[in-house]
Every structure is written in structure tokens, then in C-alpha cells.
Amino acid sequence: MDSPFSTPITDRYFEDYIPGSVHEFGSITVTQDEILAFANNFDPQDFHNDPEAAKQTVFGGLIASGWHTAGLMMRLYADNYLSKVASLSSPGVDELRWKHPVRPNDELSIRVTVTDVRRSNSKPDRGIVRSFIEVLNQKQEVVMSMSAMNLLQCRNPG
């Protein structure tokens, strides 16, 4: 998938995030071993960590924890979208939704829409970029979505 960014991630600053632009990146494969390892460490529910018991649940089989899906999204987001030179932090996320189960061997990608940018009035060397992130599976179903805020340095602080 191509990204319409005109600058590489190693030279991307606040000014490069254009409201309305859409960026797609992927993919990453979800393996059963990773689903089980994550669930055993962080979310030990039968539909996440016991393939046999998961068959008897409403999901009819093993699914990834939503938090695991969020971690996979973050991998794609950090590797492809978030600046390697200007990222300062994130004040948080809003409206995190898990819309469809993620299963072993699913191929995930992300679609990120820049929804708003605002330069800081008190610190003009930085700004806030708001993005709407969708995680898609190989069927192009949205399996997770959220709105994120990132604080980024400006290329031109004046």
C-alpha cells in the first residue's frame, strides 16, 4: 500500500500531516502462538488462551485479545505513520472500538486519516495531530478503530 506522504518517516514533521489525507500501511500476520502468548501473559480468557474451550464460546474459536490487536496496530502505526524525528508524545486516545474478532492467520493493515491539526499557541515549536485509525483484516473489514492524538515538533517553529 502506498502512502501519500511527500516526506519519508525519517524527515516527517507536524507540517507534513495534512487534514483529510488518508494513509494505508500493512500488513502484519496474527499467529496463533502470538495470540496464546499475549493472552497467557495479559488477558487470560478462554476465547484468547484455550483453543478447545474457545470453540464453545460465542466466538466459535480462538480470537486475539483486543489489547493484542491494539499492540499490533501500534507496531504498524509507529513503523509507518508516526514521525521518527518529531514525535514527542501522545496525550491519549478516544473511542477505542473492537468491531470484529481477530483470528489466527488474519492479515492486518491500518488506514489512518488525519482529522485535525493544531499548532500550539503556548509552544509554537509543536502541534497536535489528531488521527482516526482503522485496523483492517484481509477481507477489508474494520476490526478495530480509534481516534489518536500525537504531539509533534514543527519543522518551522516560527
N, C-alpha and C. Protein backbone atom coordinates (compact mmCIF):
# COMPACT_ATOMS: atom_id res chain seq x y z
N MET A 1 0.84 -1.18 0.00
CA MET A 1 0.00 0.00 0.00
C MET A 1 0.88 1.24 0.00
N ASP A 2 0.45 2.23 -0.73
CA ASP A 2 1.22 3.46 -0.81
C ASP A 2 0.70 4.49 0.16
N SER A 3 1.59 5.35 0.58
CA SER A 3 1.23 6.46 1.45
C SER A 3 1.39 7.75 0.68
N PRO A 4 0.45 8.67 0.79
CA PRO A 4 0.58 9.94 0.08
C PRO A 4 1.50 10.94 0.77
N PHE A 5 2.23 10.52 1.84
CA PHE A 5 3.17 11.44 2.45
C PHE A 5 4.23 11.84 1.42
N SER A 6 4.56 13.11 1.39
CA SER A 6 5.60 13.57 0.46
C SER A 6 6.98 13.51 1.10
N THR A 7 7.02 13.23 2.39
CA THR A 7 8.30 13.14 3.09
C THR A 7 8.43 11.78 3.76
N PRO A 8 9.64 11.26 3.83
CA PRO A 8 9.84 9.97 4.49
C PRO A 8 9.65 10.10 6.00
N ILE A 9 9.39 9.00 6.64
CA ILE A 9 9.14 8.97 8.08
C ILE A 9 10.32 9.52 8.88
N THR A 10 11.51 9.48 8.31
CA THR A 10 12.71 9.98 8.98
C THR A 10 12.89 11.49 8.83
N ASP A 11 11.98 12.15 8.10
CA ASP A 11 12.03 13.60 7.93
C ASP A 11 10.62 14.19 7.99
N ARG A 12 9.75 13.55 8.74
CA ARG A 12 8.34 13.95 8.80
C ARG A 12 8.09 14.77 10.06
N TYR A 13 7.50 15.96 9.86
CA TYR A 13 7.21 16.89 10.96
C TYR A 13 5.72 17.24 10.96
N PHE A 14 5.33 18.00 11.94
CA PHE A 14 3.94 18.43 12.10
C PHE A 14 3.32 18.90 10.78
N GLU A 15 4.07 19.71 10.03
CA GLU A 15 3.54 20.31 8.79
C GLU A 15 3.21 19.28 7.72
N ASP A 16 3.75 18.07 7.84
CA ASP A 16 3.55 17.04 6.82
C ASP A 16 2.24 16.27 6.99
N TYR A 17 1.56 16.49 8.09
CA TYR A 17 0.28 15.82 8.36
C TYR A 17 -0.85 16.75 7.91
N ILE A 18 -1.45 16.40 6.79
CA ILE A 18 -2.44 17.26 6.13
C ILE A 18 -3.86 16.77 6.45
N PRO A 19 -4.70 17.64 7.03
CA PRO A 19 -6.07 17.22 7.35
C PRO A 19 -6.78 16.65 6.11
N GLY A 20 -7.45 15.53 6.31
CA GLY A 20 -8.18 14.87 5.23
C GLY A 20 -7.37 13.84 4.49
N SER A 21 -6.05 13.86 4.65
CA SER A 21 -5.25 12.86 3.95
C SER A 21 -5.44 11.49 4.58
N VAL A 22 -5.39 10.47 3.74
CA VAL A 22 -5.59 9.08 4.18
C VAL A 22 -4.34 8.30 3.83
N HIS A 23 -3.86 7.51 4.78
CA HIS A 23 -2.62 6.75 4.63
C HIS A 23 -2.90 5.30 4.98
N GLU A 24 -2.45 4.38 4.13
CA GLU A 24 -2.66 2.96 4.38
C GLU A 24 -1.33 2.25 4.46
N PHE A 25 -1.22 1.37 5.45
CA PHE A 25 0.02 0.63 5.69
C PHE A 25 -0.31 -0.79 6.12
N GLY A 26 0.52 -1.71 5.77
CA GLY A 26 0.37 -3.08 6.23
C GLY A 26 1.21 -3.99 5.37
N SER A 27 1.28 -5.17 5.74
CA SER A 27 0.42 -5.90 6.66
C SER A 27 1.25 -6.61 7.72
N ILE A 28 0.52 -7.17 8.69
CA ILE A 28 1.14 -7.94 9.75
C ILE A 28 0.24 -9.16 9.99
N THR A 29 0.85 -10.34 10.10
CA THR A 29 0.10 -11.57 10.29
C THR A 29 -0.04 -11.87 11.78
N VAL A 30 -1.23 -12.24 12.17
CA VAL A 30 -1.52 -12.62 13.55
C VAL A 30 -1.38 -14.13 13.64
N THR A 31 -0.46 -14.61 14.47
CA THR A 31 -0.28 -16.05 14.59
C THR A 31 -0.96 -16.59 15.85
N GLN A 32 -1.31 -17.85 15.81
CA GLN A 32 -1.94 -18.48 16.98
C GLN A 32 -0.98 -18.45 18.16
N ASP A 33 0.30 -18.71 17.92
CA ASP A 33 1.26 -18.70 19.03
C ASP A 33 1.32 -17.33 19.70
N GLU A 34 1.29 -16.25 18.91
CA GLU A 34 1.31 -14.90 19.49
C GLU A 34 0.02 -14.60 20.26
N ILE A 35 -1.12 -15.06 19.72
CA ILE A 35 -2.40 -14.86 20.41
C ILE A 35 -2.35 -15.54 21.77
N LEU A 36 -1.89 -16.78 21.80
CA LEU A 36 -1.82 -17.54 23.05
C LEU A 36 -0.84 -16.92 24.03
N ALA A 37 0.33 -16.53 23.54
CA ALA A 37 1.35 -15.93 24.44
C ALA A 37 0.85 -14.63 25.04
N PHE A 38 0.27 -13.76 24.22
CA PHE A 38 -0.25 -12.50 24.73
C PHE A 38 -1.35 -12.77 25.77
N ALA A 39 -2.29 -13.63 25.43
CA ALA A 39 -3.41 -13.91 26.32
C ALA A 39 -2.93 -14.52 27.64
N ASN A 40 -1.99 -15.44 27.57
CA ASN A 40 -1.49 -16.06 28.80
C ASN A 40 -0.81 -15.04 29.70
N ASN A 41 -0.17 -14.04 29.10
CA ASN A 41 0.51 -13.00 29.88
C ASN A 41 -0.42 -11.88 30.35
N PHE A 42 -1.41 -11.52 29.53
CA PHE A 42 -2.14 -10.28 29.81
C PHE A 42 -3.66 -10.36 29.81
N ASP A 43 -4.26 -11.35 29.16
CA ASP A 43 -5.72 -11.39 29.03
C ASP A 43 -6.18 -12.85 29.03
N PRO A 44 -6.04 -13.55 30.17
CA PRO A 44 -6.28 -14.99 30.22
C PRO A 44 -7.76 -15.38 30.25
N GLN A 45 -8.42 -15.16 29.15
CA GLN A 45 -9.80 -15.60 28.99
C GLN A 45 -9.82 -16.75 27.98
N ASP A 46 -10.74 -17.69 28.17
CA ASP A 46 -10.75 -18.91 27.36
C ASP A 46 -10.73 -18.65 25.85
N PHE A 47 -11.48 -17.63 25.39
CA PHE A 47 -11.53 -17.40 23.95
C PHE A 47 -10.23 -16.81 23.41
N HIS A 48 -9.31 -16.43 24.32
CA HIS A 48 -7.99 -15.93 23.92
C HIS A 48 -6.86 -16.95 24.16
N ASN A 49 -7.00 -17.81 25.16
CA ASN A 49 -5.85 -18.64 25.50
C ASN A 49 -6.10 -20.14 25.54
N ASP A 50 -7.29 -20.61 25.12
CA ASP A 50 -7.57 -22.04 25.13
C ASP A 50 -8.34 -22.40 23.85
N PRO A 51 -7.63 -22.88 22.82
CA PRO A 51 -8.28 -23.15 21.53
C PRO A 51 -9.48 -24.10 21.62
N GLU A 52 -9.40 -25.10 22.49
CA GLU A 52 -10.53 -26.04 22.61
C GLU A 52 -11.72 -25.39 23.30
N ALA A 53 -11.49 -24.75 24.42
CA ALA A 53 -12.58 -24.07 25.13
C ALA A 53 -13.16 -22.94 24.29
N ALA A 54 -12.33 -22.29 23.49
CA ALA A 54 -12.80 -21.17 22.65
C ALA A 54 -13.86 -21.61 21.66
N LYS A 55 -13.83 -22.89 21.25
CA LYS A 55 -14.83 -23.40 20.31
C LYS A 55 -16.23 -23.36 20.90
N GLN A 56 -16.32 -23.40 22.22
CA GLN A 56 -17.61 -23.43 22.90
C GLN A 56 -18.12 -22.03 23.25
N THR A 57 -17.36 -21.00 22.91
CA THR A 57 -17.77 -19.63 23.23
C THR A 57 -18.58 -19.02 22.09
N VAL A 58 -19.09 -17.85 22.32
CA VAL A 58 -19.85 -17.11 21.32
C VAL A 58 -19.02 -16.87 20.05
N PHE A 59 -17.69 -16.89 20.17
CA PHE A 59 -16.82 -16.64 19.02
C PHE A 59 -16.57 -17.88 18.19
N GLY A 60 -16.84 -19.06 18.74
CA GLY A 60 -16.69 -20.30 17.98
C GLY A 60 -15.25 -20.68 17.69
N GLY A 61 -14.32 -20.05 18.35
CA GLY A 61 -12.90 -20.36 18.13
C GLY A 61 -12.03 -19.29 18.75
N LEU A 62 -10.75 -19.52 18.66
CA LEU A 62 -9.75 -18.63 19.25
C LEU A 62 -9.76 -17.25 18.59
N ILE A 63 -9.70 -16.21 19.41
CA ILE A 63 -9.57 -14.83 18.90
C ILE A 63 -8.49 -14.10 19.69
N ALA A 64 -7.91 -13.12 19.06
CA ALA A 64 -6.90 -12.29 19.72
C ALA A 64 -7.56 -11.35 20.71
N SER A 65 -6.88 -11.07 21.80
CA SER A 65 -7.31 -10.04 22.72
C SER A 65 -7.38 -8.71 21.97
N GLY A 66 -8.34 -7.89 22.32
CA GLY A 66 -8.39 -6.55 21.73
C GLY A 66 -7.14 -5.76 22.02
N TRP A 67 -6.55 -6.00 23.20
CA TRP A 67 -5.32 -5.29 23.56
C TRP A 67 -4.15 -5.76 22.71
N HIS A 68 -4.16 -7.02 22.32
CA HIS A 68 -3.15 -7.53 21.40
C HIS A 68 -3.31 -6.85 20.04
N THR A 69 -4.57 -6.76 19.59
CA THR A 69 -4.85 -6.07 18.32
C THR A 69 -4.36 -4.63 18.38
N ALA A 70 -4.59 -3.96 19.51
CA ALA A 70 -4.11 -2.59 19.67
C ALA A 70 -2.58 -2.53 19.59
N GLY A 71 -1.91 -3.52 20.17
CA GLY A 71 -0.45 -3.56 20.10
C GLY A 71 0.04 -3.77 18.68
N LEU A 72 -0.63 -4.62 17.91
CA LEU A 72 -0.25 -4.83 16.51
C LEU A 72 -0.48 -3.56 15.69
N MET A 73 -1.61 -2.87 15.99
CA MET A 73 -1.86 -1.58 15.33
C MET A 73 -0.72 -0.61 15.62
N MET A 74 -0.31 -0.56 16.88
CA MET A 74 0.75 0.37 17.27
C MET A 74 2.04 0.07 16.53
N ARG A 75 2.33 -1.20 16.30
CA ARG A 75 3.53 -1.58 15.54
C ARG A 75 3.48 -0.97 14.14
N LEU A 76 2.36 -1.15 13.46
CA LEU A 76 2.21 -0.61 12.10
C LEU A 76 2.22 0.92 12.12
N TYR A 77 1.58 1.51 13.10
CA TYR A 77 1.49 2.96 13.25
C TYR A 77 2.87 3.57 13.47
N ALA A 78 3.63 2.99 14.39
CA ALA A 78 4.97 3.51 14.71
C ALA A 78 5.95 3.28 13.57
N ASP A 79 5.84 2.16 12.90
CA ASP A 79 6.77 1.84 11.81
C ASP A 79 6.52 2.65 10.55
N ASN A 80 5.28 3.12 10.35
CA ASN A 80 4.92 3.71 9.06
C ASN A 80 4.36 5.12 9.09
N TYR A 81 3.68 5.49 10.15
CA TYR A 81 2.94 6.75 10.16
C TYR A 81 3.55 7.79 11.06
N LEU A 82 3.92 7.41 12.25
CA LEU A 82 4.39 8.34 13.26
C LEU A 82 5.84 8.74 12.99
N SER A 83 6.10 10.02 12.98
CA SER A 83 7.43 10.53 12.68
C SER A 83 8.51 9.91 13.55
N LYS A 84 9.63 9.57 12.92
CA LYS A 84 10.79 9.06 13.65
C LYS A 84 11.62 10.19 14.25
N VAL A 85 11.42 11.44 13.82
CA VAL A 85 12.26 12.56 14.28
C VAL A 85 11.50 13.63 15.05
N ALA A 86 10.17 13.66 14.94
CA ALA A 86 9.43 14.77 15.53
C ALA A 86 8.37 14.35 16.55
N SER A 87 8.21 13.07 16.76
CA SER A 87 7.19 12.61 17.71
C SER A 87 7.63 12.92 19.13
N LEU A 88 6.75 13.59 19.88
CA LEU A 88 7.06 13.98 21.25
C LEU A 88 6.33 13.11 22.28
N SER A 89 5.07 12.85 22.05
CA SER A 89 4.28 12.04 22.97
C SER A 89 2.86 11.94 22.44
N SER A 90 2.02 11.26 23.21
CA SER A 90 0.60 11.21 22.91
C SER A 90 -0.19 11.51 24.17
N PRO A 91 -1.08 12.51 24.13
CA PRO A 91 -1.92 12.78 25.29
C PRO A 91 -2.99 11.71 25.51
N GLY A 92 -3.23 10.84 24.51
CA GLY A 92 -4.19 9.77 24.70
C GLY A 92 -4.96 9.43 23.44
N VAL A 93 -5.91 8.51 23.61
CA VAL A 93 -6.77 8.07 22.53
C VAL A 93 -8.22 8.17 22.98
N ASP A 94 -9.12 8.22 22.03
CA ASP A 94 -10.55 8.27 22.30
C ASP A 94 -11.25 7.23 21.45
N GLU A 95 -12.41 6.81 21.91
CA GLU A 95 -13.34 5.99 21.14
C GLU A 95 -12.71 4.73 20.59
N LEU A 96 -11.96 4.01 21.40
CA LEU A 96 -11.40 2.72 21.00
C LEU A 96 -12.53 1.72 20.88
N ARG A 97 -12.62 1.08 19.72
CA ARG A 97 -13.70 0.11 19.47
C ARG A 97 -13.10 -1.15 18.83
N TRP A 98 -13.54 -2.31 19.34
CA TRP A 98 -13.22 -3.59 18.72
C TRP A 98 -14.47 -4.06 18.01
N LYS A 99 -14.42 -4.09 16.69
CA LYS A 99 -15.63 -4.29 15.89
C LYS A 99 -15.83 -5.71 15.38
N HIS A 100 -14.74 -6.42 15.13
CA HIS A 100 -14.80 -7.81 14.67
C HIS A 100 -13.67 -8.58 15.32
N PRO A 101 -13.88 -9.88 15.57
CA PRO A 101 -12.80 -10.67 16.15
C PRO A 101 -11.62 -10.81 15.19
N VAL A 102 -10.44 -10.85 15.78
CA VAL A 102 -9.21 -11.11 15.02
C VAL A 102 -8.81 -12.55 15.32
N ARG A 103 -8.59 -13.32 14.27
CA ARG A 103 -8.34 -14.75 14.40
C ARG A 103 -6.93 -15.12 13.93
N PRO A 104 -6.48 -16.30 14.33
CA PRO A 104 -5.16 -16.74 13.85
C PRO A 104 -5.08 -16.68 12.32
N ASN A 105 -3.95 -16.23 11.83
CA ASN A 105 -3.63 -16.10 10.40
C ASN A 105 -4.30 -14.91 9.72
N ASP A 106 -5.01 -14.09 10.46
CA ASP A 106 -5.52 -12.86 9.86
C ASP A 106 -4.34 -11.97 9.49
N GLU A 107 -4.50 -11.24 8.40
CA GLU A 107 -3.52 -10.26 7.93
C GLU A 107 -4.09 -8.88 8.21
N LEU A 108 -3.42 -8.12 9.07
CA LEU A 108 -3.93 -6.81 9.45
C LEU A 108 -3.15 -5.69 8.77
N SER A 109 -3.86 -4.64 8.46
CA SER A 109 -3.26 -3.41 7.94
C SER A 109 -3.97 -2.26 8.63
N ILE A 110 -3.46 -1.05 8.44
CA ILE A 110 -4.11 0.11 9.03
C ILE A 110 -4.40 1.16 7.96
N ARG A 111 -5.48 1.88 8.21
CA ARG A 111 -5.83 3.06 7.40
C ARG A 111 -5.94 4.21 8.39
N VAL A 112 -5.15 5.25 8.16
CA VAL A 112 -5.10 6.38 9.08
C VAL A 112 -5.52 7.64 8.34
N THR A 113 -6.52 8.32 8.88
CA THR A 113 -6.99 9.58 8.31
C THR A 113 -6.61 10.71 9.26
N VAL A 114 -5.92 11.71 8.73
CA VAL A 114 -5.60 12.89 9.54
C VAL A 114 -6.88 13.70 9.65
N THR A 115 -7.39 13.83 10.87
CA THR A 115 -8.67 14.50 11.06
C THR A 115 -8.53 15.97 11.45
N ASP A 116 -7.43 16.31 12.13
CA ASP A 116 -7.27 17.70 12.56
C ASP A 116 -5.81 17.94 12.95
N VAL A 117 -5.34 19.13 12.69
CA VAL A 117 -4.01 19.55 13.14
C VAL A 117 -4.14 20.93 13.77
N ARG A 118 -3.40 21.12 14.84
CA ARG A 118 -3.45 22.42 15.51
C ARG A 118 -2.09 22.71 16.12
N ARG A 119 -1.53 23.84 15.72
CA ARG A 119 -0.26 24.27 16.30
C ARG A 119 -0.52 24.82 17.69
N SER A 120 0.37 24.54 18.60
CA SER A 120 0.23 25.03 19.97
C SER A 120 0.41 26.54 20.02
N ASN A 121 -0.47 27.22 20.76
CA ASN A 121 -0.33 28.66 20.95
C ASN A 121 0.76 28.97 21.96
N SER A 122 0.89 28.15 22.97
CA SER A 122 1.87 28.42 24.04
C SER A 122 3.27 27.93 23.70
N LYS A 123 3.36 26.91 22.84
CA LYS A 123 4.67 26.37 22.42
C LYS A 123 4.66 26.20 20.91
N PRO A 124 4.99 27.26 20.17
CA PRO A 124 4.85 27.25 18.71
C PRO A 124 5.82 26.30 17.98
N ASP A 125 6.68 25.62 18.73
CA ASP A 125 7.58 24.66 18.09
C ASP A 125 6.94 23.28 17.95
N ARG A 126 5.66 23.16 18.33
CA ARG A 126 4.98 21.85 18.27
C ARG A 126 3.50 22.01 17.98
N GLY A 127 2.89 20.89 17.64
CA GLY A 127 1.45 20.90 17.38
C GLY A 127 0.85 19.54 17.67
N ILE A 128 -0.47 19.50 17.70
CA ILE A 128 -1.23 18.27 17.92
C ILE A 128 -1.80 17.80 16.59
N VAL A 129 -1.57 16.53 16.29
CA VAL A 129 -2.17 15.88 15.12
C VAL A 129 -3.19 14.87 15.64
N ARG A 130 -4.42 15.01 15.17
CA ARG A 130 -5.47 14.05 15.52
C ARG A 130 -5.69 13.15 14.31
N SER A 131 -5.74 11.85 14.59
CA SER A 131 -5.88 10.87 13.52
C SER A 131 -6.94 9.85 13.87
N PHE A 132 -7.67 9.41 12.87
CA PHE A 132 -8.62 8.31 13.03
C PHE A 132 -7.97 7.08 12.44
N ILE A 133 -7.81 6.05 13.26
CA ILE A 133 -7.10 4.84 12.86
C ILE A 133 -8.09 3.69 12.74
N GLU A 134 -8.05 3.00 11.61
CA GLU A 134 -8.84 1.80 11.41
C GLU A 134 -7.88 0.64 11.16
N VAL A 135 -8.11 -0.47 11.84
CA VAL A 135 -7.36 -1.69 11.62
C VAL A 135 -8.26 -2.59 10.77
N LEU A 136 -7.72 -3.06 9.65
CA LEU A 136 -8.50 -3.87 8.72
C LEU A 136 -7.90 -5.27 8.63
N ASN A 137 -8.77 -6.26 8.42
CA ASN A 137 -8.27 -7.60 8.14
C ASN A 137 -8.17 -7.81 6.64
N GLN A 138 -7.80 -9.02 6.24
CA GLN A 138 -7.59 -9.33 4.83
C GLN A 138 -8.87 -9.23 4.01
N LYS A 139 -10.04 -9.22 4.65
CA LYS A 139 -11.33 -9.06 3.96
C LYS A 139 -11.73 -7.59 3.88
N GLN A 140 -10.84 -6.71 4.35
CA GLN A 140 -11.10 -5.27 4.42
C GLN A 140 -12.20 -4.92 5.42
N GLU A 141 -12.45 -5.80 6.39
CA GLU A 141 -13.36 -5.49 7.48
C GLU A 141 -12.60 -4.69 8.53
N VAL A 142 -13.24 -3.67 9.06
CA VAL A 142 -12.63 -2.90 10.14
C VAL A 142 -12.79 -3.72 11.42
N VAL A 143 -11.66 -4.14 11.99
CA VAL A 143 -11.70 -4.95 13.21
C VAL A 143 -11.50 -4.11 14.46
N MET A 144 -10.90 -2.94 14.31
CA MET A 144 -10.69 -2.04 15.43
C MET A 144 -10.60 -0.62 14.90
N SER A 145 -11.05 0.33 15.69
CA SER A 145 -10.88 1.74 15.32
C SER A 145 -10.66 2.56 16.57
N MET A 146 -10.04 3.71 16.39
CA MET A 146 -9.84 4.64 17.50
C MET A 146 -9.39 5.98 16.95
N SER A 147 -9.54 7.00 17.77
CA SER A 147 -9.02 8.32 17.46
C SER A 147 -7.80 8.54 18.34
N ALA A 148 -6.73 9.02 17.75
CA ALA A 148 -5.48 9.23 18.49
C ALA A 148 -5.03 10.68 18.37
N MET A 149 -4.30 11.12 19.37
CA MET A 149 -3.67 12.44 19.36
C MET A 149 -2.17 12.24 19.51
N ASN A 150 -1.40 12.95 18.70
CA ASN A 150 0.05 12.90 18.81
C ASN A 150 0.60 14.31 18.82
N LEU A 151 1.54 14.53 19.70
CA LEU A 151 2.24 15.79 19.80
C LEU A 151 3.50 15.68 18.94
N LEU A 152 3.67 16.60 17.99
CA LEU A 152 4.81 16.55 17.08
C LEU A 152 5.53 17.90 17.01
N GLN A 153 6.83 17.82 16.84
CA GLN A 153 7.62 19.04 16.64
C GLN A 153 7.33 19.60 15.26
N CYS A 154 7.44 20.91 15.13
CA CYS A 154 7.29 21.58 13.85
C CYS A 154 8.64 21.70 13.16
N ARG A 155 8.62 21.58 11.86
CA ARG A 155 9.83 21.80 11.06
C ARG A 155 10.20 23.28 11.11
N ASN A 156 9.18 24.12 11.04
CA ASN A 156 9.35 25.56 11.06
C ASN A 156 8.66 26.12 12.30
N PRO A 157 9.39 26.26 13.42
CA PRO A 157 8.76 26.65 14.68
C PRO A 157 8.20 28.06 14.71
N GLY A 158 8.57 28.91 13.78
CA GLY A 158 8.05 30.27 13.79
C GLY A 158 6.73 30.32 13.16
